[in-house]
Amino acid sequence: MKKIGTILQYIIYPLLAISLLFNIYFLMNNSNDKSILNIDGKKVMTEKELFDYMSEQYKTMVVNEKVGQTLLQIEGKNRRIVEPTDEQLKGLTEDFASFKGYADDIDKYRDKLTEAYYIHEIFMGDGVDDSTLETFLEEYYGNSDTKLYELYVYETHDHNAAVQVQEMLESGKTINDVESKMGIEFIVTYTASMENVLSGGEDVVGENMANMQHNMNDMSSMADEEPLMENDYSIGNVYHIMDGEGMEIIQIGNILNMNDSRDVFENLYFSQKYTLIRNTIVNELKGEHVISYH
């Protein structure tokens, strides 16, 4: 069974900063006291003053980014977190949408993915308390007792194959049986609202524990049934959905709650709150180390 993942992410800004620093360095060496801003005829800012300011701002950004990366590496070693393999780094790109774009070049994004791996391991090791998760669920989904539907999804453009898969699942065949028989792979995704999935909404909250918002725009159910209430959906239900790009056969594999599937909900929180989690961990680590700026 194939699991795939769906936060600009966290490498764009540092790369942009580095590029800007080189440009600023060049411009500074070719800048002068020419005014670029006058108010009431009075010179307020020169070209050189602007470039000096920009250089300091982006230098601070790059230095802070390096501080965070180094502290996370140190903490990883202190916790005896083994350096991730390529397969584990690839797993991040499949499990979390924010890193999906890095899948084709692990070597290029190795430092960033390794940092994310350490953050995830530290976060999952420390855990998150019930009240924080409940507040998060209330904030994002309107209910602190939100349940997640675990969905198995087969995507195809072949109508006959879609119908065959649907009939096999409806007859009681397991996902593994269907995969083996048809030579296909299902993806695993999670949603807080089956109604949105079937009606073409955007509330699929994860392909794995991705950024938790897999886009299912323009999808529509083939069935001419009245809309179901959330409590009418059950494990094993099968749905045939189609849009202009193809068809999807969806089966509800499980209905998860926070008490019984805490790791899934913690990964959901991690996916949505990655930046907050990273900053919190790094700020705590700053208090444990002596950092000198020169």
C-alpha atoms as a PDB file:
ATOM      1  CA  MET A   1       0.000   0.000   0.000  1.00  0.00           C
ATOM      2  CA  LYS A   2       1.416   3.334  -0.973  1.00  0.00           C
ATOM      3  CA  LYS A   3       1.240   6.290   1.410  1.00  0.00           C
ATOM      4  CA  ILE A   4       1.775   9.721  -0.035  1.00  0.00           C
ATOM      5  CA  GLY A   5       1.828  13.220   1.425  1.00  0.00           C
ATOM      6  CA  THR A   6       0.224  16.367   0.242  1.00  0.00           C
ATOM      7  CA  ILE A   7       3.723  23.811   5.113  1.00  0.00           C
ATOM      8  CA  LEU A   8       6.527  27.954   1.437  1.00  0.00           C
ATOM      9  CA  GLN A   9       7.969  26.708   2.874  1.00  0.00           C
ATOM     10  CA  TYR A  10      10.911  26.439   5.036  1.00  0.00           C
ATOM     11  CA  ILE A  11      13.755  26.407   2.544  1.00  0.00           C
ATOM     12  CA  ILE A  12      12.648  29.185   0.194  1.00  0.00           C
ATOM     13  CA  TYR A  13      13.258  32.076   2.556  1.00  0.00           C
ATOM     14  CA  PRO A  14      16.827  31.130   3.553  1.00  0.00           C
ATOM     15  CA  LEU A  15      17.785  30.560  -0.094  1.00  0.00           C
ATOM     16  CA  LEU A  16      16.223  33.855  -1.054  1.00  0.00           C
ATOM     17  CA  ALA A  17      18.110  35.552   1.765  1.00  0.00           C
ATOM     18  CA  ILE A  18      21.441  34.152   0.593  1.00  0.00           C
ATOM     19  CA  SER A  19      20.743  35.264  -2.957  1.00  0.00           C
ATOM     20  CA  LEU A  20      19.825  38.733  -1.754  1.00  0.00           C
ATOM     21  CA  LEU A  21      22.989  38.938   0.337  1.00  0.00           C
ATOM     22  CA  PHE A  22      25.139  38.381  -2.740  1.00  0.00           C
ATOM     23  CA  ASN A  23      23.162  40.989  -4.623  1.00  0.00           C
ATOM     24  CA  ILE A  24      23.398  43.422  -1.742  1.00  0.00           C
ATOM     25  CA  TYR A  25      27.173  42.879  -1.492  1.00  0.00           C
ATOM     26  CA  PHE A  26      27.542  43.688  -5.160  1.00  0.00           C
ATOM     27  CA  LEU A  27      25.307  46.720  -4.944  1.00  0.00           C
ATOM     28  CA  MET A  28      27.007  48.039  -1.818  1.00  0.00           C
ATOM     29  CA  ASN A  29      30.319  48.062  -3.607  1.00  0.00           C
ATOM     30  CA  ASN A  30      28.725  50.013  -6.405  1.00  0.00           C
ATOM     31  CA  SER A  31      26.429  52.248  -4.361  1.00  0.00           C
ATOM     32  CA  ASN A  32      26.948  55.868  -3.306  1.00  0.00           C
ATOM     33  CA  ASP A  33      25.404  58.652  -1.318  1.00  0.00           C
ATOM     34  CA  LYS A  34      22.815  59.358  -3.977  1.00  0.00           C
ATOM     35  CA  SER A  35      19.477  60.083  -2.366  1.00  0.00           C
ATOM     36  CA  ILE A  36      16.711  57.598  -2.982  1.00  0.00           C
ATOM     37  CA  LEU A  37      14.173  59.267  -0.685  1.00  0.00           C
ATOM     38  CA  ASN A  38      13.457  62.939  -0.208  1.00  0.00           C
ATOM     39  CA  ILE A  39      10.770  64.556   1.930  1.00  0.00           C
ATOM     40  CA  ASP A  40      10.075  68.266   1.453  1.00  0.00           C
ATOM     41  CA  GLY A  41      13.253  68.428  -0.580  1.00  0.00           C
ATOM     42  CA  LYS A  42      15.384  67.058   2.251  1.00  0.00           C
ATOM     43  CA  LYS A  43      17.448  63.931   1.772  1.00  0.00           C
ATOM     44  CA  VAL A  44      16.107  61.190   4.051  1.00  0.00           C
ATOM     45  CA  MET A  45      17.814  58.038   2.815  1.00  0.00           C
ATOM     46  CA  THR A  46      20.721  57.379   0.516  1.00  0.00           C
ATOM     47  CA  GLU A  47      21.353  54.379  -1.674  1.00  0.00           C
ATOM     48  CA  LYS A  48      24.187  53.253   0.601  1.00  0.00           C
ATOM     49  CA  GLU A  49      22.054  53.572   3.745  1.00  0.00           C
ATOM     50  CA  LEU A  50      19.397  51.386   2.179  1.00  0.00           C
ATOM     51  CA  PHE A  51      21.865  48.661   1.213  1.00  0.00           C
ATOM     52  CA  ASP A  52      23.518  48.763   4.654  1.00  0.00           C
ATOM     53  CA  TYR A  53      20.128  48.240   6.272  1.00  0.00           C
ATOM     54  CA  MET A  54      19.163  45.424   3.903  1.00  0.00           C
ATOM     55  CA  SER A  55      22.493  43.689   4.449  1.00  0.00           C
ATOM     56  CA  GLU A  56      22.063  43.709   8.232  1.00  0.00           C
ATOM     57  CA  GLN A  57      18.489  42.445   8.064  1.00  0.00           C
ATOM     58  CA  TYR A  58      19.233  39.483   5.796  1.00  0.00           C
ATOM     59  CA  LYS A  59      22.477  38.657   7.571  1.00  0.00           C
ATOM     60  CA  THR A  60      20.467  38.329  10.777  1.00  0.00           C
ATOM     61  CA  MET A  61      17.983  36.028   9.043  1.00  0.00           C
ATOM     62  CA  VAL A  62      20.676  33.710   7.695  1.00  0.00           C
ATOM     63  CA  VAL A  63      22.584  33.609  10.996  1.00  0.00           C
ATOM     64  CA  ASN A  64      19.429  32.785  12.969  1.00  0.00           C
ATOM     65  CA  GLU A  65      18.594  30.027  10.503  1.00  0.00           C
ATOM     66  CA  LYS A  66      22.054  28.521  10.998  1.00  0.00           C
ATOM     67  CA  VAL A  67      21.722  28.760  14.779  1.00  0.00           C
ATOM     68  CA  GLY A  68      18.486  26.784  14.629  1.00  0.00           C
ATOM     69  CA  GLN A  69      19.907  24.105  12.338  1.00  0.00           C
ATOM     70  CA  THR A  70      22.990  23.611  14.520  1.00  0.00           C
ATOM     71  CA  LEU A  71      21.073  23.466  17.800  1.00  0.00           C
ATOM     72  CA  LEU A  72      18.693  20.892  16.372  1.00  0.00           C
ATOM     73  CA  GLN A  73      21.604  18.740  15.229  1.00  0.00           C
ATOM     74  CA  ILE A  74      23.180  18.940  18.697  1.00  0.00           C
ATOM     75  CA  GLU A  75      19.876  18.062  20.365  1.00  0.00           C
ATOM     76  CA  GLY A  76      19.398  15.170  17.995  1.00  0.00           C
ATOM     77  CA  LYS A  77      22.778  13.741  18.985  1.00  0.00           C
ATOM     78  CA  ASN A  78      22.079  14.350  22.681  1.00  0.00           C
ATOM     79  CA  ARG A  79      18.854  12.377  22.353  1.00  0.00           C
ATOM     80  CA  ARG A  80      20.638   9.682  20.376  1.00  0.00           C
ATOM     81  CA  ILE A  81      18.418  10.244  17.382  1.00  0.00           C
ATOM     82  CA  VAL A  82      20.106   8.346  14.595  1.00  0.00           C
ATOM     83  CA  GLU A  83      20.821  10.387  11.483  1.00  0.00           C
ATOM     84  CA  PRO A  84      18.017   9.646   9.009  1.00  0.00           C
ATOM     85  CA  THR A  85      18.486   7.435   6.005  1.00  0.00           C
ATOM     86  CA  ASP A  86      17.495   8.505   2.513  1.00  0.00           C
ATOM     87  CA  GLU A  87      14.423   6.313   2.854  1.00  0.00           C
ATOM     88  CA  GLN A  88      13.364   8.116   6.047  1.00  0.00           C
ATOM     89  CA  LEU A  89      13.911  11.514   4.424  1.00  0.00           C
ATOM     90  CA  LYS A  90      11.854  10.394   1.462  1.00  0.00           C
ATOM     91  CA  GLY A  91       9.191   9.319   3.951  1.00  0.00           C
ATOM     92  CA  LEU A  92       8.936  12.920   5.149  1.00  0.00           C
ATOM     93  CA  THR A  93       8.221  14.067   1.619  1.00  0.00           C
ATOM     94  CA  GLU A  94       5.466  11.473   1.370  1.00  0.00           C
ATOM     95  CA  ASP A  95       3.961  12.059   4.803  1.00  0.00           C
ATOM     96  CA  PHE A  96       3.974  15.868   4.952  1.00  0.00           C
ATOM     97  CA  ALA A  97       2.858  18.136   2.136  1.00  0.00           C
ATOM     98  CA  SER A  98       5.277  20.885   3.046  1.00  0.00           C
ATOM     99  CA  PHE A  99       8.159  18.675   1.956  1.00  0.00           C
ATOM    100  CA  LYS A 100       6.526  16.992  -1.013  1.00  0.00           C
ATOM    101  CA  GLY A 101       8.402  19.221  -3.460  1.00  0.00           C
ATOM    102  CA  TYR A 102      11.732  17.910  -2.198  1.00  0.00           C
ATOM    103  CA  ALA A 103      11.049  14.291  -3.136  1.00  0.00           C
ATOM    104  CA  ASP A 104      12.801  14.432  -6.502  1.00  0.00           C
ATOM    105  CA  ASP A 105      16.129  15.690  -5.114  1.00  0.00           C
ATOM    106  CA  ILE A 106      16.799  14.432  -1.603  1.00  0.00           C
ATOM    107  CA  ASP A 107      20.487  15.367  -1.820  1.00  0.00           C
ATOM    108  CA  LYS A 108      19.707  18.985  -2.663  1.00  0.00           C
ATOM    109  CA  TYR A 109      17.373  19.386   0.296  1.00  0.00           C
ATOM    110  CA  ARG A 110      19.123  16.981   2.651  1.00  0.00           C
ATOM    111  CA  ASP A 111      19.963  19.609   5.316  1.00  0.00           C
ATOM    112  CA  LYS A 112      16.408  20.927   5.440  1.00  0.00           C
ATOM    113  CA  LEU A 113      14.815  17.488   5.480  1.00  0.00           C
ATOM    114  CA  THR A 114      17.263  16.287   8.147  1.00  0.00           C
ATOM    115  CA  GLU A 115      16.323  19.283  10.294  1.00  0.00           C
ATOM    116  CA  ALA A 116      12.631  18.498   9.833  1.00  0.00           C
ATOM    117  CA  TYR A 117      13.297  14.870  10.755  1.00  0.00           C
ATOM    118  CA  TYR A 118      14.970  15.901  14.026  1.00  0.00           C
ATOM    119  CA  ILE A 119      12.130  18.305  14.800  1.00  0.00           C
ATOM    120  CA  HIS A 120       9.572  15.573  14.228  1.00  0.00           C
ATOM    121  CA  GLU A 121      11.455  13.068  16.381  1.00  0.00           C
ATOM    122  CA  ILE A 122      11.885  15.610  19.198  1.00  0.00           C
ATOM    123  CA  PHE A 123       8.242  16.637  18.992  1.00  0.00           C
ATOM    124  CA  MET A 124       6.904  13.095  18.977  1.00  0.00           C
ATOM    125  CA  GLY A 125       9.265  12.177  21.819  1.00  0.00           C
ATOM    126  CA  ASP A 126       8.052  15.052  23.980  1.00  0.00           C
ATOM    127  CA  GLY A 127       4.423  14.745  22.916  1.00  0.00           C
ATOM    128  CA  VAL A 128       1.700  17.344  23.264  1.00  0.00           C
ATOM    129  CA  ASP A 129      -0.834  17.629  26.076  1.00  0.00           C
ATOM    130  CA  ASP A 130      -4.546  16.939  25.697  1.00  0.00           C
ATOM    131  CA  SER A 131      -5.667  20.526  26.150  1.00  0.00           C
ATOM    132  CA  THR A 132      -3.377  21.748  23.352  1.00  0.00           C
ATOM    133  CA  LEU A 133      -4.689  19.113  20.948  1.00  0.00           C
ATOM    134  CA  GLU A 134      -8.302  19.793  21.913  1.00  0.00           C
ATOM    135  CA  THR A 135      -7.837  23.543  21.440  1.00  0.00           C
ATOM    136  CA  PHE A 136      -6.235  22.881  18.054  1.00  0.00           C
ATOM    137  CA  LEU A 137      -9.102  20.648  16.921  1.00  0.00           C
ATOM    138  CA  GLU A 138     -11.653  23.209  18.087  1.00  0.00           C
ATOM    139  CA  GLU A 139      -9.772  25.960  16.254  1.00  0.00           C
ATOM    140  CA  TYR A 140      -9.338  24.109  12.971  1.00  0.00           C
ATOM    141  CA  TYR A 141     -12.386  21.850  12.826  1.00  0.00           C
ATOM    142  CA  GLY A 142     -14.897  23.416  15.205  1.00  0.00           C
ATOM    143  CA  ASN A 143     -15.025  20.463  17.567  1.00  0.00           C
ATOM    144  CA  SER A 144     -12.514  19.318  20.186  1.00  0.00           C
ATOM    145  CA  ASP A 145     -13.895  15.796  19.763  1.00  0.00           C
ATOM    146  CA  THR A 146     -13.215  15.753  15.999  1.00  0.00           C
ATOM    147  CA  LYS A 147     -12.880  12.303  14.466  1.00  0.00           C
ATOM    148  CA  LEU A 148     -10.812  11.484  11.401  1.00  0.00           C
ATOM    149  CA  TYR A 149     -11.842   9.138   8.620  1.00  0.00           C
ATOM    150  CA  GLU A 150      -8.961   7.022   7.363  1.00  0.00           C
ATOM    151  CA  LEU A 151      -9.533   6.589   3.636  1.00  0.00           C
ATOM    152  CA  TYR A 152      -8.090   4.215   1.086  1.00  0.00           C
ATOM    153  CA  VAL A 153      -8.137   5.843  -2.339  1.00  0.00           C
ATOM    154  CA  TYR A 154      -7.566   4.352  -5.781  1.00  0.00           C
ATOM    155  CA  GLU A 155      -7.173   6.852  -8.623  1.00  0.00           C
ATOM    156  CA  THR A 156      -7.644   5.925 -12.262  1.00  0.00           C
ATOM    157  CA  HIS A 157      -8.786   7.124 -15.685  1.00  0.00           C
ATOM    158  CA  ASP A 158     -10.045   3.650 -16.580  1.00  0.00           C
ATOM    159  CA  HIS A 159     -13.785   3.413 -15.905  1.00  0.00           C
ATOM    160  CA  ASN A 160     -13.850  -0.363 -16.189  1.00  0.00           C
ATOM    161  CA  ALA A 161     -11.002  -0.710 -13.685  1.00  0.00           C
ATOM    162  CA  ALA A 162     -12.739   1.678 -11.308  1.00  0.00           C
ATOM    163  CA  VAL A 163     -15.969  -0.302 -11.455  1.00  0.00           C
ATOM    164  CA  GLN A 164     -14.108  -3.583 -10.960  1.00  0.00           C
ATOM    165  CA  VAL A 165     -12.278  -2.248  -7.900  1.00  0.00           C
ATOM    166  CA  GLN A 166     -15.519  -0.869  -6.504  1.00  0.00           C
ATOM    167  CA  GLU A 167     -17.328  -4.172  -6.926  1.00  0.00           C
ATOM    168  CA  MET A 168     -14.488  -6.133  -5.332  1.00  0.00           C
ATOM    169  CA  LEU A 169     -14.473  -3.866  -2.278  1.00  0.00           C
ATOM    170  CA  GLU A 170     -18.261  -3.969  -1.991  1.00  0.00           C
ATOM    171  CA  SER A 171     -18.152  -7.759  -2.113  1.00  0.00           C
ATOM    172  CA  GLY A 172     -15.924  -7.813   0.948  1.00  0.00           C
ATOM    173  CA  LYS A 173     -12.472  -8.134  -0.593  1.00  0.00           C
ATOM    174  CA  THR A 174      -9.728  -6.546   1.502  1.00  0.00           C
ATOM    175  CA  ILE A 175      -7.538  -3.696   0.284  1.00  0.00           C
ATOM    176  CA  ASN A 176      -4.562  -6.065   0.114  1.00  0.00           C
ATOM    177  CA  ASP A 177      -6.590  -8.587  -1.898  1.00  0.00           C
ATOM    178  CA  VAL A 178      -7.662  -5.936  -4.393  1.00  0.00           C
ATOM    179  CA  GLU A 179      -4.137  -4.532  -4.723  1.00  0.00           C
ATOM    180  CA  SER A 180      -2.757  -8.012  -5.336  1.00  0.00           C
ATOM    181  CA  LYS A 181      -5.482  -9.033  -7.760  1.00  0.00           C
ATOM    182  CA  MET A 182      -5.521  -5.803  -9.776  1.00  0.00           C
ATOM    183  CA  GLY A 183      -1.829  -4.937  -9.534  1.00  0.00           C
ATOM    184  CA  ILE A 184      -2.645  -1.484  -8.149  1.00  0.00           C
ATOM    185  CA  GLU A 185      -1.836   0.623  -5.102  1.00  0.00           C
ATOM    186  CA  PHE A 186      -4.163   2.597  -2.854  1.00  0.00           C
ATOM    187  CA  ILE A 187      -3.098   5.822  -1.211  1.00  0.00           C
ATOM    188  CA  VAL A 188      -3.993   6.536   2.407  1.00  0.00           C
ATOM    189  CA  THR A 189      -5.499   9.859   3.363  1.00  0.00           C
ATOM    190  CA  TYR A 190      -7.468  11.355   6.252  1.00  0.00           C
ATOM    191  CA  THR A 191     -10.435  13.677   6.399  1.00  0.00           C
ATOM    192  CA  ALA A 192     -12.528  15.267   9.107  1.00  0.00           C
ATOM    193  CA  SER A 193     -15.556  15.502   6.810  1.00  0.00           C
ATOM    194  CA  MET A 194     -16.802  12.850   4.424  1.00  0.00           C
ATOM    195  CA  GLU A 195     -19.458  15.259   3.178  1.00  0.00           C
ATOM    196  CA  ASN A 196     -16.789  17.628   1.914  1.00  0.00           C
ATOM    197  CA  VAL A 197     -14.892  14.818   0.235  1.00  0.00           C
ATOM    198  CA  LEU A 198     -17.927  13.514  -1.595  1.00  0.00           C
ATOM    199  CA  SER A 199     -19.346  16.910  -2.508  1.00  0.00           C
ATOM    200  CA  GLY A 200     -16.106  18.373  -3.836  1.00  0.00           C
ATOM    201  CA  GLY A 201     -14.970  20.283  -0.753  1.00  0.00           C
ATOM    202  CA  GLU A 202     -11.392  20.807   0.392  1.00  0.00           C
ATOM    203  CA  ASP A 203     -11.503  19.311   3.859  1.00  0.00           C
ATOM    204  CA  VAL A 204      -9.346  16.298   3.252  1.00  0.00           C
ATOM    205  CA  VAL A 205      -6.908  16.764   6.082  1.00  0.00           C
ATOM    206  CA  GLY A 206      -4.083  14.647   4.917  1.00  0.00           C
ATOM    207  CA  GLU A 207      -2.566  12.342   2.382  1.00  0.00           C
ATOM    208  CA  ASN A 208      -0.843  10.576   5.176  1.00  0.00           C
ATOM    209  CA  MET A 209      -0.342  13.454   7.598  1.00  0.00           C
ATOM    210  CA  ALA A 210       0.397  15.954   4.938  1.00  0.00           C
ATOM    211  CA  ASN A 211      -0.387  19.627   5.262  1.00  0.00           C
ATOM    212  CA  MET A 212      -3.715  18.038   5.750  1.00  0.00           C
ATOM    213  CA  GLN A 213      -5.459  19.726   2.907  1.00  0.00           C
ATOM    214  CA  HIS A 214      -5.494  17.567  -0.178  1.00  0.00           C
ATOM    215  CA  ASN A 215      -7.336  19.466  -2.902  1.00  0.00           C
ATOM    216  CA  MET A 216     -10.374  17.621  -4.122  1.00  0.00           C
ATOM    217  CA  ASN A 217     -11.943  20.495  -6.011  1.00  0.00           C
ATOM    218  CA  ASP A 218     -14.629  19.775  -8.553  1.00  0.00           C
ATOM    219  CA  MET A 219     -15.186  16.225  -7.340  1.00  0.00           C
ATOM    220  CA  SER A 220     -18.726  14.927  -7.352  1.00  0.00           C
ATOM    221  CA  SER A 221     -20.448  11.741  -6.290  1.00  0.00           C
ATOM    222  CA  MET A 222     -21.907   9.495  -8.916  1.00  0.00           C
ATOM    223  CA  ALA A 223     -24.728   8.454  -6.613  1.00  0.00           C
ATOM    224  CA  ASP A 224     -28.058  10.273  -6.780  1.00  0.00           C
ATOM    225  CA  GLU A 225     -28.628   9.995  -3.058  1.00  0.00           C
ATOM    226  CA  GLU A 226     -29.589  12.523  -0.463  1.00  0.00           C
ATOM    227  CA  PRO A 227     -26.561  13.888   1.430  1.00  0.00           C
ATOM    228  CA  LEU A 228     -25.616  11.751   4.421  1.00  0.00           C
ATOM    229  CA  MET A 229     -25.002  13.023   7.921  1.00  0.00           C
ATOM    230  CA  GLU A 230     -21.503  12.452   9.304  1.00  0.00           C
ATOM    231  CA  ASN A 231     -22.749   9.747  11.657  1.00  0.00           C
ATOM    232  CA  ASP A 232     -24.153   7.810   8.677  1.00  0.00           C
ATOM    233  CA  TYR A 233     -20.668   6.935   7.401  1.00  0.00           C
ATOM    234  CA  SER A 234     -19.255   3.594   8.509  1.00  0.00           C
ATOM    235  CA  ILE A 235     -16.059   1.594   8.207  1.00  0.00           C
ATOM    236  CA  GLY A 236     -16.089  -0.344   4.964  1.00  0.00           C
ATOM    237  CA  ASN A 237     -18.317   2.054   3.027  1.00  0.00           C
ATOM    238  CA  VAL A 238     -17.252   2.401  -0.621  1.00  0.00           C
ATOM    239  CA  TYR A 239     -17.726   5.461  -2.835  1.00  0.00           C
ATOM    240  CA  HIS A 240     -17.122   6.096  -6.540  1.00  0.00           C
ATOM    241  CA  ILE A 241     -16.156   9.716  -7.195  1.00  0.00           C
ATOM    242  CA  MET A 242     -15.271  11.340 -10.469  1.00  0.00           C
ATOM    243  CA  ASP A 243     -14.171  14.690 -11.836  1.00  0.00           C
ATOM    244  CA  GLY A 244     -12.878  15.985 -15.125  1.00  0.00           C
ATOM    245  CA  GLU A 245      -9.482  14.423 -14.529  1.00  0.00           C
ATOM    246  CA  GLY A 246     -10.501  10.885 -13.649  1.00  0.00           C
ATOM    247  CA  MET A 247     -12.130   8.681 -11.039  1.00  0.00           C
ATOM    248  CA  GLU A 248     -11.467   7.713  -7.460  1.00  0.00           C
ATOM    249  CA  ILE A 249     -12.704   4.702  -5.541  1.00  0.00           C
ATOM    250  CA  ILE A 250     -12.716   5.467  -1.831  1.00  0.00           C
ATOM    251  CA  GLN A 251     -13.230   3.105   1.069  1.00  0.00           C
ATOM    252  CA  ILE A 252     -13.468   4.141   4.712  1.00  0.00           C
ATOM    253  CA  GLY A 253     -10.803   2.039   6.413  1.00  0.00           C
ATOM    254  CA  ASN A 254     -11.236   3.329   9.940  1.00  0.00           C
ATOM    255  CA  ILE A 255     -12.775   6.111  12.016  1.00  0.00           C
ATOM    256  CA  LEU A 256     -10.226   7.487  14.443  1.00  0.00           C
ATOM    257  CA  ASN A 257     -10.554   9.408  17.687  1.00  0.00           C
ATOM    258  CA  MET A 258      -7.802  11.128  19.647  1.00  0.00           C
ATOM    259  CA  ASN A 259      -7.758   8.665  22.533  1.00  0.00           C
ATOM    260  CA  ASP A 260      -7.254   5.571  20.390  1.00  0.00           C
ATOM    261  CA  SER A 261      -5.107   7.076  17.611  1.00  0.00           C
ATOM    262  CA  ARG A 262      -3.135   9.759  19.361  1.00  0.00           C
ATOM    263  CA  ASP A 263      -0.125   9.547  17.047  1.00  0.00           C
ATOM    264  CA  VAL A 264      -2.295  10.377  14.036  1.00  0.00           C
ATOM    265  CA  PHE A 265      -3.692  13.460  15.757  1.00  0.00           C
ATOM    266  CA  GLU A 266      -0.226  14.503  16.963  1.00  0.00           C
ATOM    267  CA  ASN A 267       1.038  14.254  13.386  1.00  0.00           C
ATOM    268  CA  LEU A 268      -1.960  16.292  12.270  1.00  0.00           C
ATOM    269  CA  TYR A 269      -0.972  18.964  14.808  1.00  0.00           C
ATOM    270  CA  PHE A 270       2.678  18.756  13.717  1.00  0.00           C
ATOM    271  CA  SER A 271       1.698  19.261  10.104  1.00  0.00           C
ATOM    272  CA  GLN A 272      -0.424  22.327  10.757  1.00  0.00           C
ATOM    273  CA  LYS A 273       1.818  23.859  13.435  1.00  0.00           C
ATOM    274  CA  TYR A 274       5.274  23.044  12.051  1.00  0.00           C
ATOM    275  CA  THR A 275       6.664  26.589  12.190  1.00  0.00           C
ATOM    276  CA  LEU A 276       5.397  27.140  15.731  1.00  0.00           C
ATOM    277  CA  ILE A 277       6.828  23.802  16.854  1.00  0.00           C
ATOM    278  CA  ARG A 278      10.223  24.492  15.270  1.00  0.00           C
ATOM    279  CA  ASN A 279      10.465  27.970  16.790  1.00  0.00           C
ATOM    280  CA  THR A 280       9.411  26.712  20.222  1.00  0.00           C
ATOM    281  CA  ILE A 281      12.004  23.929  20.219  1.00  0.00           C
ATOM    282  CA  VAL A 282      14.791  26.197  18.928  1.00  0.00           C
ATOM    283  CA  ASN A 283      13.988  28.937  21.472  1.00  0.00           C
ATOM    284  CA  GLU A 284      14.106  26.408  24.300  1.00  0.00           C
ATOM    285  CA  LEU A 285      17.444  25.084  23.037  1.00  0.00           C
ATOM    286  CA  LYS A 286      18.868  28.613  22.858  1.00  0.00           C
ATOM    287  CA  GLY A 287      18.434  28.808  26.614  1.00  0.00           C
ATOM    288  CA  GLU A 288      20.534  25.667  27.050  1.00  0.00           C
ATOM    289  CA  HIS A 289      23.569  26.799  25.027  1.00  0.00           C
ATOM    290  CA  VAL A 290      25.993  29.713  24.969  1.00  0.00           C
ATOM    291  CA  ILE A 291      25.619  31.504  21.642  1.00  0.00           C
ATOM    292  CA  SER A 292      27.999  34.298  20.699  1.00  0.00           C
ATOM    293  CA  TYR A 293      27.391  36.736  17.849  1.00  0.00           C
ATOM    294  CA  HIS A 294      30.356  38.644  16.418  1.00  0.00           C
END
